[in-house]
Amino acid sequence: MDDASREQQIARSATIVSVGNVLSRMMGLVREAVIANMFGASGAVSAYKTAAQVPLTLYEMLVGGMVSSALVPTLSGYAAAEQRDELGRIAGLLFTFAVLVLGAVVLLLEVGAPLLTPALVHFDAPLQALTTRLLRIVLVSVFFLGLSGIATALCQALQRFALPAFTTVVFNASIVAAALTLGSRWRDVRVLAAGMVVGAALQVVLQLPALRDLRIRPALDLRDPLLRHILRLYAPVVLSLVVASLGILIDRNLASRTGESSISWMHYATTLIQFPLGLISMAIATAILPALARQAGLEDERESTDRTSERFRATLASGLRLVLFLTIPAAVGLLVLAQPVIALLFQHGEFGPVDTAQTALALRIYLIGLIFAAVDQPLVFAFYARKDTLRPALVGILGVGFYLIVALPTLRMLGMVGLILANGAQLAGHASVMIWLFQRRVGSLRGQGIGGTLLKSVLAAAMMGGAVYGATRATVHLLPVEGRALWGATVVVGAGIGLGVYLALCALLKVPELDLARGLITQVIRRLPLRREG
């Protein structure tokens, strides 16, 4: 397959994921806007954010990390039509095993919730008690999130990306619905926790139609070779996720010591950072994983190992070029438009100007690590495709070390800012080590056009940033409006001019990914009707 065909194939798969991610991130912004309006950046919101992080972290530890590291690379080998019966058998084993493990974990943590809360945060007694109550509600979602993760892995192995791409849309919509219907009446953050549980359950229901042709029957055989193989692949990842989870707990605990609103400010900023990460990096990494897994497992005797490795590197490079081309301008745009974007989305109701200023500060510092995080995801998936889960796990542990080296000395002096800088150091260190390891294990990525795309994208984005800044300043001075109308006009004008300038400069610089981006728009339009894939 030549570079053009390879990139088109990646684009088609990434587009499906991107459509879902766009809607998911938009619904996530709606969710945060609703929460900010009803509860502001109060201690109650910090308690909810702390409790809500626990099931999400547990999901990543128990199932989420397994999806890309072990399940998709393994299950992709059984995606052919003649092997669907075997895939259904494996699915039955996985679901049965997950029900037992997830059920036991939820029951154990429900009992131990009062002991877990003090390890999570350092609040006053009333907020500690509220955190415990919220924790007991949201823990139920771990069960459904885990089952949804297995369903997602099966769909992705079959290259049916559509329904899994919309699971988080349903999840976020459920929280929004709970807030607008129940929250408007009781003004209690516990309705958000209830919406989270319902949303997790709906994720499972949503994906069932994509698996209707699999004969899935409950079964349990702990000696099954394939189940053991999956668990062996995942073992190193679990270790790394445990350490990463401890890092998250430390981060939340340290943040709670810098003021009861710090966790909320950091969370609102992180929500905006996750938008380009989910829309661009995760979508592209998810799209190339099945192709990378097939290329890594290629055993065609007619092709040499060098040729197979070359195709593997070319596929990864295609993904990385797309990530850089799209993420760099997004980072610059968020840097320049941070204040009006946050004011437009969140500054109403209980969320005031001070909250906007602090969240904008957090967002701008978080942007230090955005490019590193975006590049890191496809690199990690490349190792997973080669069934190498140990090295990414060890690098993940090392990344927590990078975080602590910066966070602990700077906490007292810089407070919240020190923690965010530490996060940037963690992401930069992790991505740098992953690049170094990839080039040692697989081969150099030189000659794949990555450097050229990086240089041209940075140049175009820098000039775009200047144009956006000038446009926003002119908008503020020229328009006779204030408040949300001014913020909205500033964002629209800035984003519109930024997009136009960036695309024009990329065309002038002959950035090849520009043509692919145009193709993505066409693919989005063609793929909007959710049809069956594969």
Protein backbone atom coordinates (compact mmCIF):
# COMPACT_ATOMS: atom_id res chain seq x y z
CA MET A 1 0.00 0.00 0.00
CA ASP A 2 1.50 3.40 -0.98
CA ASP A 3 1.59 6.43 1.33
CA ALA A 4 -1.48 8.05 -0.23
CA SER A 5 -3.62 4.91 0.10
CA ARG A 6 -2.38 4.31 3.62
CA GLU A 7 -3.22 7.84 4.70
CA GLN A 8 -6.65 7.63 3.07
CA GLN A 9 -7.38 4.41 4.95
CA ILE A 10 -6.30 6.00 8.22
CA ALA A 11 -8.39 9.06 7.40
CA ARG A 12 -11.53 7.01 6.78
CA SER A 13 -11.27 5.24 10.13
CA ALA A 14 -10.15 8.34 12.00
CA THR A 15 -13.06 10.31 10.58
CA ILE A 16 -15.62 7.99 12.13
CA VAL A 17 -13.91 8.27 15.50
CA SER A 18 -13.54 12.02 15.05
CA VAL A 19 -17.25 12.59 14.37
CA GLY A 20 -18.08 10.84 17.63
CA ASN A 21 -15.32 12.68 19.43
CA VAL A 22 -16.50 16.05 18.15
CA LEU A 23 -19.99 15.41 19.47
CA SER A 24 -18.61 13.93 22.69
CA ARG A 25 -16.32 16.87 23.38
CA MET A 26 -19.09 19.31 22.55
CA MET A 27 -21.40 17.50 24.94
CA GLY A 28 -18.58 17.48 27.49
CA LEU A 29 -18.33 21.25 27.19
CA VAL A 30 -22.10 21.51 27.61
CA ARG A 31 -21.78 19.31 30.70
CA GLU A 32 -19.10 21.53 32.21
CA ALA A 33 -21.02 24.70 31.31
CA VAL A 34 -24.15 23.35 33.02
CA ILE A 35 -22.18 22.33 36.12
CA ALA A 36 -20.41 25.71 36.22
CA ASN A 37 -23.72 27.56 35.94
CA MET A 38 -25.42 25.55 38.66
CA PHE A 39 -22.57 24.97 41.10
CA GLY A 40 -19.68 27.24 40.01
CA ALA A 41 -16.18 26.23 41.12
CA SER A 42 -17.32 25.49 44.66
CA GLY A 43 -16.04 22.94 47.12
CA ALA A 44 -19.03 20.74 46.29
CA VAL A 45 -17.91 20.62 42.65
CA SER A 46 -14.38 19.75 43.75
CA ALA A 47 -15.86 16.93 45.85
CA TYR A 48 -17.83 15.66 42.84
CA LYS A 49 -14.83 15.89 40.50
CA THR A 50 -12.73 13.97 43.02
CA ALA A 51 -15.34 11.23 43.42
CA ALA A 52 -16.01 11.02 39.67
CA GLN A 53 -12.32 10.52 38.96
CA VAL A 54 -12.25 7.28 40.97
CA PRO A 55 -14.48 5.11 38.70
CA LEU A 56 -12.81 6.55 35.61
CA THR A 57 -9.39 5.68 37.02
CA LEU A 58 -10.55 2.21 38.05
CA TYR A 59 -11.99 1.65 34.59
CA GLU A 60 -8.67 2.56 32.98
CA MET A 61 -6.89 0.22 35.38
CA LEU A 62 -9.22 -2.75 35.04
CA VAL A 63 -10.41 -2.57 31.41
CA GLY A 64 -9.72 0.72 29.62
CA GLY A 65 -5.98 0.24 29.37
CA MET A 66 -6.54 -3.33 28.21
CA VAL A 67 -8.61 -2.23 25.20
CA SER A 68 -5.70 -0.81 23.24
CA SER A 69 -2.82 -2.69 24.87
CA ALA A 70 -4.12 -6.27 24.72
CA LEU A 71 -7.70 -6.69 23.51
CA VAL A 72 -7.68 -4.97 20.11
CA PRO A 73 -4.23 -6.30 19.06
CA THR A 74 -5.28 -9.84 20.04
CA LEU A 75 -8.90 -9.82 18.88
CA SER A 76 -7.97 -8.29 15.50
CA GLY A 77 -6.55 -11.68 14.59
CA TYR A 78 -10.04 -13.20 14.85
CA ALA A 79 -11.94 -10.53 12.90
CA ALA A 80 -12.17 -12.52 9.66
CA ALA A 81 -15.65 -13.84 8.83
CA GLU A 82 -14.57 -17.49 9.11
CA GLN A 83 -13.35 -16.90 12.68
CA ARG A 84 -16.42 -15.11 14.05
CA ASP A 85 -17.53 -18.15 16.07
CA GLU A 86 -14.18 -18.21 17.85
CA LEU A 87 -14.40 -14.46 18.42
CA GLY A 88 -17.86 -14.94 19.95
CA ARG A 89 -16.48 -17.63 22.26
CA ILE A 90 -13.66 -15.33 23.38
CA ALA A 91 -16.14 -12.50 23.92
CA GLY A 92 -18.23 -14.72 26.19
CA LEU A 93 -15.16 -15.53 28.29
CA LEU A 94 -14.20 -11.87 28.56
CA PHE A 95 -17.66 -10.65 29.54
CA THR A 96 -18.11 -13.39 32.16
CA PHE A 97 -14.68 -12.78 33.66
CA ALA A 98 -15.33 -9.02 33.71
CA VAL A 99 -18.71 -9.37 35.45
CA LEU A 100 -17.15 -11.35 38.29
CA VAL A 101 -14.09 -9.14 38.74
CA LEU A 102 -15.90 -5.81 38.36
CA GLY A 103 -18.69 -6.88 40.70
CA ALA A 104 -16.21 -7.87 43.40
CA VAL A 105 -14.25 -4.62 43.06
CA VAL A 106 -17.38 -2.46 43.30
CA LEU A 107 -18.63 -4.28 46.41
CA LEU A 108 -15.24 -4.02 48.11
CA LEU A 109 -14.90 -0.30 47.44
CA GLU A 110 -18.47 0.48 48.48
CA VAL A 111 -17.62 -0.91 51.91
CA GLY A 112 -14.25 0.83 52.05
CA ALA A 113 -15.35 4.24 50.70
CA PRO A 114 -14.97 6.07 54.06
CA LEU A 115 -11.37 4.87 54.27
CA LEU A 116 -10.61 5.84 50.67
CA THR A 117 -11.78 9.46 50.85
CA PRO A 118 -9.03 10.77 53.19
CA ALA A 119 -6.43 9.38 50.79
CA LEU A 120 -8.01 11.27 47.90
CA VAL A 121 -8.38 14.80 49.25
CA HIS A 122 -7.65 17.04 52.22
CA PHE A 123 -10.97 18.87 52.66
CA ASP A 124 -12.79 20.01 55.79
CA ALA A 125 -15.12 17.51 57.48
CA PRO A 126 -18.38 18.40 55.63
CA LEU A 127 -16.71 18.22 52.21
CA GLN A 128 -14.99 14.97 53.16
CA ALA A 129 -18.37 13.48 54.09
CA LEU A 130 -19.93 14.71 50.83
CA THR A 131 -17.07 13.18 48.85
CA THR A 132 -17.72 9.82 50.51
CA ARG A 133 -21.44 9.94 49.70
CA LEU A 134 -20.71 10.82 46.09
CA LEU A 135 -18.09 8.11 45.86
CA ARG A 136 -20.56 5.42 46.88
CA ILE A 137 -22.91 6.48 44.10
CA VAL A 138 -20.41 6.76 41.25
CA LEU A 139 -18.62 3.50 42.06
CA VAL A 140 -21.54 1.59 40.52
CA SER A 141 -20.56 3.02 37.14
CA VAL A 142 -17.30 1.03 37.20
CA PHE A 143 -19.27 -2.13 36.46
CA PHE A 144 -20.95 -0.74 33.35
CA LEU A 145 -17.87 1.14 32.13
CA GLY A 146 -15.92 -2.12 32.20
CA LEU A 147 -18.48 -4.01 30.14
CA SER A 148 -18.64 -1.10 27.71
CA GLY A 149 -14.86 -1.21 27.30
CA ILE A 150 -14.91 -4.86 26.27
CA ALA A 151 -17.70 -4.16 23.77
CA THR A 152 -15.62 -1.30 22.36
CA ALA A 153 -12.61 -3.56 21.91
CA LEU A 154 -14.69 -6.11 20.01
CA CYS A 155 -16.13 -3.41 17.75
CA GLN A 156 -12.72 -1.91 17.02
CA ALA A 157 -11.22 -5.32 16.27
CA LEU A 158 -14.01 -5.76 13.72
CA GLN A 159 -13.28 -2.21 12.48
CA ARG A 160 -16.78 -1.09 13.44
CA PHE A 161 -15.88 2.28 14.84
CA ALA A 162 -19.20 4.12 14.62
CA LEU A 163 -21.15 3.08 17.72
CA PRO A 164 -18.13 3.00 20.09
CA ALA A 165 -17.27 6.53 18.94
CA PHE A 166 -20.58 7.77 20.36
CA THR A 167 -20.46 6.08 23.78
CA THR A 168 -19.06 9.13 25.53
CA VAL A 169 -21.70 11.30 23.86
CA VAL A 170 -24.35 9.23 25.63
CA PHE A 171 -22.34 9.31 28.87
CA ASN A 172 -22.02 13.10 28.91
CA ALA A 173 -25.60 13.62 27.74
CA SER A 174 -26.86 11.56 30.66
CA ILE A 175 -25.03 13.78 33.16
CA VAL A 176 -26.38 16.90 31.44
CA ALA A 177 -29.92 15.51 31.48
CA ALA A 178 -29.67 14.66 35.18
CA ALA A 179 -28.37 18.15 35.97
CA LEU A 180 -31.07 19.95 33.98
CA THR A 181 -33.99 17.83 35.19
CA LEU A 182 -33.12 16.90 38.77
CA GLY A 183 -30.38 19.41 39.53
CA SER A 184 -32.52 22.41 38.70
CA ARG A 185 -34.94 21.27 41.38
CA TRP A 186 -32.63 20.11 44.19
CA ARG A 187 -29.30 21.89 43.44
CA ASP A 188 -27.46 18.87 44.79
CA VAL A 189 -24.30 17.53 43.15
CA ARG A 190 -25.49 13.99 43.86
CA VAL A 191 -27.73 14.22 40.79
CA LEU A 192 -24.53 14.47 38.71
CA ALA A 193 -23.30 11.24 40.25
CA ALA A 194 -26.61 9.52 39.43
CA GLY A 195 -26.41 10.75 35.83
CA MET A 196 -22.92 9.29 35.59
CA VAL A 197 -24.17 5.81 36.56
CA VAL A 198 -27.05 5.93 34.07
CA GLY A 199 -24.70 7.14 31.33
CA ALA A 200 -22.29 4.28 31.94
CA ALA A 201 -25.12 1.74 31.63
CA LEU A 202 -26.33 3.33 28.39
CA GLN A 203 -22.85 2.95 26.90
CA VAL A 204 -23.26 -0.82 27.02
CA VAL A 205 -26.73 -0.72 25.49
CA LEU A 206 -25.57 1.53 22.64
CA GLN A 207 -22.93 -0.92 21.39
CA LEU A 208 -25.00 -4.10 21.43
CA PRO A 209 -26.31 -3.69 17.83
CA ALA A 210 -22.73 -3.68 16.50
CA LEU A 211 -22.14 -7.10 18.07
CA ARG A 212 -25.41 -8.73 17.04
CA ASP A 213 -23.74 -11.18 14.63
CA LEU A 214 -21.45 -12.59 17.33
CA ARG A 215 -22.66 -15.65 19.21
CA ILE A 216 -21.74 -14.54 22.72
CA ARG A 217 -22.50 -17.03 25.48
CA PRO A 218 -21.53 -16.73 29.16
CA ALA A 219 -18.59 -19.02 29.95
CA LEU A 220 -15.67 -19.09 32.35
CA ASP A 221 -12.43 -20.95 31.77
CA LEU A 222 -9.47 -19.43 33.58
CA ARG A 223 -7.18 -21.90 31.80
CA ASP A 224 -8.15 -20.73 28.33
CA PRO A 225 -4.88 -19.97 26.47
CA LEU A 226 -6.18 -16.83 24.79
CA LEU A 227 -7.57 -15.37 28.02
CA ARG A 228 -4.25 -16.04 29.70
CA HIS A 229 -2.41 -14.47 26.76
CA ILE A 230 -4.51 -11.30 27.07
CA LEU A 231 -3.91 -11.13 30.82
CA ARG A 232 -0.16 -11.66 30.33
CA LEU A 233 -0.04 -8.81 27.83
CA TYR A 234 -1.95 -6.61 30.23
CA ALA A 235 0.02 -7.40 33.39
CA PRO A 236 2.75 -4.78 32.78
CA VAL A 237 0.11 -2.21 31.84
CA VAL A 238 -1.71 -2.79 35.13
CA LEU A 239 1.50 -2.05 37.01
CA SER A 240 1.99 1.20 35.11
CA LEU A 241 -1.67 2.20 35.55
CA VAL A 242 -1.51 1.54 39.28
CA VAL A 243 1.47 3.86 39.52
CA ALA A 244 -0.25 6.40 37.24
CA SER A 245 -3.38 6.20 39.39
CA LEU A 246 -1.31 6.86 42.48
CA GLY A 247 0.10 9.85 40.63
CA ILE A 248 -3.44 11.12 39.97
CA LEU A 249 -4.37 10.64 43.62
CA ILE A 250 -1.26 12.54 44.69
CA ASP A 251 -2.07 15.31 42.21
CA ARG A 252 -5.63 15.65 43.53
CA ASN A 253 -4.45 15.54 47.14
CA LEU A 254 -1.80 18.19 46.53
CA ALA A 255 -4.28 20.34 44.58
CA SER A 256 -6.78 20.19 47.44
CA ARG A 257 -4.09 21.74 49.66
CA THR A 258 -3.80 24.81 47.39
CA GLY A 259 -7.43 25.86 47.91
CA GLU A 260 -10.81 24.19 47.62
CA SER A 261 -11.40 25.65 44.13
CA SER A 262 -8.08 24.54 42.61
CA ILE A 263 -9.37 21.10 41.62
CA SER A 264 -12.33 22.71 39.85
CA TRP A 265 -10.17 25.24 37.98
CA MET A 266 -7.75 22.52 36.90
CA HIS A 267 -10.61 20.28 35.81
CA TYR A 268 -12.30 22.94 33.67
CA ALA A 269 -8.94 23.68 32.00
CA THR A 270 -8.29 19.97 31.46
CA THR A 271 -11.69 19.63 29.79
CA LEU A 272 -10.58 22.07 27.09
CA ILE A 273 -7.20 20.35 26.72
CA GLN A 274 -8.94 17.01 26.25
CA PHE A 275 -10.92 18.39 23.33
CA PRO A 276 -8.01 18.41 20.80
CA LEU A 277 -6.49 15.31 22.39
CA GLY A 278 -9.65 13.27 21.94
CA LEU A 279 -10.63 14.75 18.61
CA ILE A 280 -7.19 14.46 17.02
CA SER A 281 -4.65 12.28 18.81
CA MET A 282 -6.90 9.58 20.22
CA ALA A 283 -8.99 9.39 17.04
CA ILE A 284 -5.93 8.91 14.84
CA ALA A 285 -4.24 6.49 17.26
CA THR A 286 -7.42 4.41 17.49
CA ALA A 287 -7.74 4.38 13.71
CA ILE A 288 -4.19 3.16 13.03
CA LEU A 289 -4.06 0.54 15.81
CA PRO A 290 -5.75 -2.32 13.89
CA ALA A 291 -3.56 -1.64 10.84
CA LEU A 292 -0.42 -1.51 12.98
CA ALA A 293 -1.43 -4.74 14.72
CA ARG A 294 -1.89 -6.55 11.40
CA GLN A 295 1.41 -5.24 10.03
CA ALA A 296 3.26 -6.18 13.22
CA GLY A 297 1.86 -9.71 13.03
CA LEU A 298 2.49 -10.16 9.32
CA GLU A 299 3.97 -13.58 8.62
CA ASP A 300 3.82 -13.60 4.84
CA GLU A 301 7.01 -15.40 3.78
CA ARG A 302 7.10 -13.46 0.54
CA GLU A 303 7.84 -10.24 2.39
CA SER A 304 11.08 -9.55 4.20
CA THR A 305 11.24 -8.36 7.80
CA ASP A 306 12.74 -5.06 6.64
CA ARG A 307 9.81 -4.47 4.28
CA THR A 308 7.28 -5.25 7.02
CA SER A 309 9.06 -2.92 9.45
CA GLU A 310 9.13 -0.19 6.80
CA ARG A 311 5.36 -0.42 6.30
CA PHE A 312 4.85 -0.33 10.07
CA ARG A 313 6.96 2.83 10.42
CA ALA A 314 5.22 4.43 7.43
CA THR A 315 1.77 3.84 8.96
CA LEU A 316 2.85 5.31 12.29
CA ALA A 317 4.50 8.26 10.56
CA SER A 318 1.29 8.98 8.65
CA GLY A 319 -0.57 9.18 11.94
CA LEU A 320 2.07 11.35 13.61
CA ARG A 321 2.12 13.83 10.73
CA LEU A 322 -1.65 14.21 10.95
CA VAL A 323 -1.44 14.67 14.71
CA LEU A 324 1.16 17.43 14.42
CA PHE A 325 -0.60 19.19 11.54
CA LEU A 326 -3.87 19.41 13.50
CA THR A 327 -2.71 19.73 17.11
CA ILE A 328 -0.15 22.53 16.77
CA PRO A 329 -2.65 25.16 15.52
CA ALA A 330 -5.18 23.97 18.11
CA ALA A 331 -2.64 24.61 20.87
CA VAL A 332 -1.80 28.08 19.57
CA GLY A 333 -5.49 28.92 19.17
CA LEU A 334 -6.26 27.91 22.76
CA LEU A 335 -3.28 29.90 24.00
CA VAL A 336 -4.50 33.13 22.39
CA LEU A 337 -8.24 32.60 22.95
CA ALA A 338 -8.10 31.06 26.44
CA GLN A 339 -9.80 33.93 28.28
CA PRO A 340 -12.76 34.54 25.93
CA VAL A 341 -13.34 30.80 25.36
CA ILE A 342 -13.55 30.08 29.09
CA ALA A 343 -15.69 33.15 29.75
CA LEU A 344 -18.08 32.18 26.94
CA LEU A 345 -18.42 28.57 28.09
CA PHE A 346 -18.39 28.86 31.85
CA GLN A 347 -18.72 32.44 33.17
CA HIS A 348 -22.35 32.58 34.18
CA GLY A 349 -24.34 31.69 37.26
CA GLU A 350 -22.01 30.69 40.09
CA PHE A 351 -18.86 30.83 37.91
CA GLY A 352 -17.38 34.33 38.19
CA PRO A 353 -14.57 36.43 36.62
CA VAL A 354 -12.01 35.20 39.16
CA ASP A 355 -12.82 31.62 38.20
CA THR A 356 -12.39 32.54 34.52
CA ALA A 357 -8.99 34.14 35.15
CA GLN A 358 -7.70 31.20 37.19
CA THR A 359 -9.00 28.61 34.72
CA ALA A 360 -7.42 30.52 31.81
CA LEU A 361 -4.10 30.57 33.68
CA ALA A 362 -4.32 26.82 34.24
CA LEU A 363 -5.23 26.20 30.59
CA ARG A 364 -2.30 28.18 29.21
CA ILE A 365 0.18 26.30 31.40
CA TYR A 366 -1.39 22.94 30.54
CA LEU A 367 -0.75 23.73 26.86
CA ILE A 368 2.97 23.16 27.49
CA GLY A 369 2.31 19.44 27.51
CA LEU A 370 -0.38 19.25 24.81
CA ILE A 371 1.86 18.52 21.81
CA PHE A 372 3.84 15.93 23.78
CA ALA A 373 0.63 14.21 24.90
CA ALA A 374 -0.75 14.23 21.35
CA VAL A 375 2.37 12.62 19.85
CA ASP A 376 2.67 10.17 22.73
CA GLN A 377 -0.63 8.34 22.14
CA PRO A 378 0.16 6.93 18.66
CA LEU A 379 3.64 5.94 19.89
CA VAL A 380 2.20 3.99 22.81
CA PHE A 381 -0.31 2.29 20.50
CA ALA A 382 2.55 1.34 18.16
CA PHE A 383 4.16 -0.63 20.99
CA TYR A 384 0.82 -2.21 21.88
CA ALA A 385 0.40 -3.28 18.25
CA ARG A 386 3.71 -5.16 18.54
CA LYS A 387 2.36 -6.81 21.71
CA ASP A 388 4.99 -4.96 23.72
CA THR A 389 3.19 -3.68 26.80
CA LEU A 390 6.15 -3.78 29.18
CA ARG A 391 8.12 -0.82 27.83
CA PRO A 392 5.20 1.65 27.76
CA ALA A 393 4.35 0.51 31.29
CA LEU A 394 7.87 1.18 32.55
CA VAL A 395 7.92 4.56 30.83
CA GLY A 396 4.58 5.36 32.50
CA ILE A 397 6.14 4.69 35.89
CA LEU A 398 9.09 6.89 34.93
CA GLY A 399 6.64 9.63 33.93
CA VAL A 400 5.18 9.74 37.45
CA GLY A 401 8.74 10.22 38.67
CA PHE A 402 9.13 13.21 36.34
CA TYR A 403 5.93 14.65 37.81
CA LEU A 404 7.00 14.27 41.43
CA ILE A 405 10.46 15.73 40.78
CA VAL A 406 8.82 19.00 39.68
CA ALA A 407 5.62 18.99 41.78
CA LEU A 408 6.98 18.48 45.28
CA PRO A 409 9.62 21.27 45.26
CA THR A 410 7.32 23.82 43.56
CA LEU A 411 4.05 23.19 45.44
CA ARG A 412 4.68 25.56 48.34
CA MET A 413 6.05 28.36 46.15
CA LEU A 414 3.82 28.10 43.05
CA GLY A 415 0.75 26.22 44.30
CA MET A 416 -1.57 25.13 41.49
CA VAL A 417 0.83 26.45 38.84
CA GLY A 418 3.59 24.16 40.12
CA LEU A 419 1.35 21.11 39.78
CA ILE A 420 0.44 21.99 36.19
CA LEU A 421 4.10 22.57 35.30
CA ALA A 422 4.83 19.16 36.77
CA ASN A 423 2.16 17.67 34.52
CA GLY A 424 3.88 19.24 31.50
CA ALA A 425 7.23 17.81 32.60
CA GLN A 426 5.63 14.37 32.93
CA LEU A 427 4.15 14.48 29.42
CA ALA A 428 7.33 15.84 27.83
CA GLY A 429 9.51 13.25 29.54
CA HIS A 430 7.17 10.39 28.67
CA ALA A 431 6.94 11.30 24.97
CA SER A 432 10.70 11.83 24.67
CA VAL A 433 11.51 8.44 26.15
CA MET A 434 8.88 6.74 23.96
CA ILE A 435 10.41 8.25 20.80
CA TRP A 436 13.87 7.12 21.88
CA LEU A 437 12.65 3.58 22.62
CA PHE A 438 10.75 3.31 19.34
CA GLN A 439 13.80 4.25 17.32
CA ARG A 440 15.92 1.71 19.20
CA ARG A 441 13.37 -1.12 18.95
CA VAL A 442 11.74 -0.56 15.55
CA GLY A 443 13.88 1.88 13.64
CA SER A 444 14.31 5.52 12.85
CA LEU A 445 11.42 7.67 11.69
CA ARG A 446 13.74 9.89 9.70
CA GLY A 447 12.85 10.28 6.06
CA GLN A 448 9.12 9.95 6.80
CA GLY A 449 8.40 13.67 6.46
CA ILE A 450 7.65 14.22 10.16
CA GLY A 451 10.28 16.92 10.60
CA GLY A 452 9.04 18.85 7.57
CA THR A 453 5.43 18.74 8.73
CA LEU A 454 6.49 19.83 12.24
CA LEU A 455 8.53 22.78 11.00
CA LYS A 456 5.91 24.02 8.53
CA SER A 457 3.06 23.56 11.02
CA VAL A 458 4.91 25.50 13.73
CA LEU A 459 5.73 28.32 11.32
CA ALA A 460 2.16 28.56 10.03
CA ALA A 461 0.67 28.30 13.53
CA ALA A 462 2.97 31.02 14.91
CA MET A 463 1.90 33.43 12.19
CA MET A 464 -1.70 32.36 12.74
CA GLY A 465 -1.36 33.15 16.45
CA GLY A 466 -0.25 36.69 15.67
CA ALA A 467 -3.19 37.18 13.33
CA VAL A 468 -5.66 35.82 15.89
CA TYR A 469 -4.27 38.06 18.63
CA GLY A 470 -4.59 41.13 16.43
CA ALA A 471 -8.11 40.17 15.38
CA THR A 472 -9.28 39.63 18.96
CA ARG A 473 -7.85 42.95 20.14
CA ALA A 474 -9.56 44.74 17.26
CA THR A 475 -12.86 42.99 18.03
CA VAL A 476 -12.74 44.07 21.68
CA HIS A 477 -12.07 47.70 20.76
CA LEU A 478 -14.44 48.01 17.81
CA LEU A 479 -17.60 46.15 18.85
CA PRO A 480 -20.04 48.14 21.02
CA VAL A 481 -21.10 45.08 23.05
CA GLU A 482 -20.12 43.50 26.35
CA GLY A 483 -20.41 40.22 28.20
CA ARG A 484 -21.31 37.00 26.41
CA ALA A 485 -21.96 38.77 23.10
CA LEU A 486 -18.42 40.18 23.12
CA TRP A 487 -16.86 36.88 24.20
CA GLY A 488 -18.76 35.01 21.51
CA ALA A 489 -17.82 37.50 18.80
CA THR A 490 -14.17 37.39 19.88
CA VAL A 491 -14.06 33.59 19.72
CA VAL A 492 -15.85 33.39 16.37
CA VAL A 493 -13.73 36.11 14.74
CA GLY A 494 -10.49 34.76 16.21
CA ALA A 495 -11.19 31.14 15.28
CA GLY A 496 -12.38 32.05 11.78
CA ILE A 497 -9.37 34.21 10.99
CA GLY A 498 -7.04 31.68 12.58
CA LEU A 499 -8.41 28.83 10.49
CA GLY A 500 -8.22 30.83 7.28
CA VAL A 501 -4.67 32.06 7.91
CA TYR A 502 -3.39 28.62 8.92
CA LEU A 503 -4.87 26.86 5.90
CA ALA A 504 -3.63 29.57 3.54
CA LEU A 505 -0.11 29.40 4.94
CA CYS A 506 -0.09 25.59 4.82
CA ALA A 507 -1.12 25.76 1.17
CA LEU A 508 1.65 28.28 0.51
CA LEU A 509 4.17 26.06 2.33
CA LYS A 510 2.86 22.98 0.47
CA VAL A 511 2.08 20.95 3.60
CA PRO A 512 0.88 17.57 2.20
CA GLU A 513 -1.46 16.93 5.14
CA LEU A 514 -3.62 19.82 3.96
CA ASP A 515 -4.99 17.73 1.09
CA LEU A 516 -5.75 14.92 3.52
CA ALA A 517 -7.56 17.36 5.82
CA ARG A 518 -9.77 18.36 2.91
CA GLY A 519 -10.48 14.70 2.32
CA LEU A 520 -11.46 14.31 5.97
CA ILE A 521 -14.24 16.84 5.52
CA THR A 522 -15.61 14.82 2.62
CA GLN A 523 -15.33 11.63 4.66
CA VAL A 524 -17.23 13.21 7.55
CA ILE A 525 -20.11 14.07 5.25
CA ARG A 526 -20.16 10.61 3.69
CA ARG A 527 -19.92 8.79 7.02
CA LEU A 528 -22.56 10.69 8.92
CA PRO A 529 -25.25 8.03 8.24
CA LEU A 530 -24.26 5.28 10.65
CA ARG A 531 -24.05 2.26 8.46
CA ARG A 532 -22.69 -1.12 9.28
CA GLU A 533 -18.94 -1.48 8.77
CA GLY A 534 -17.02 -4.61 7.89
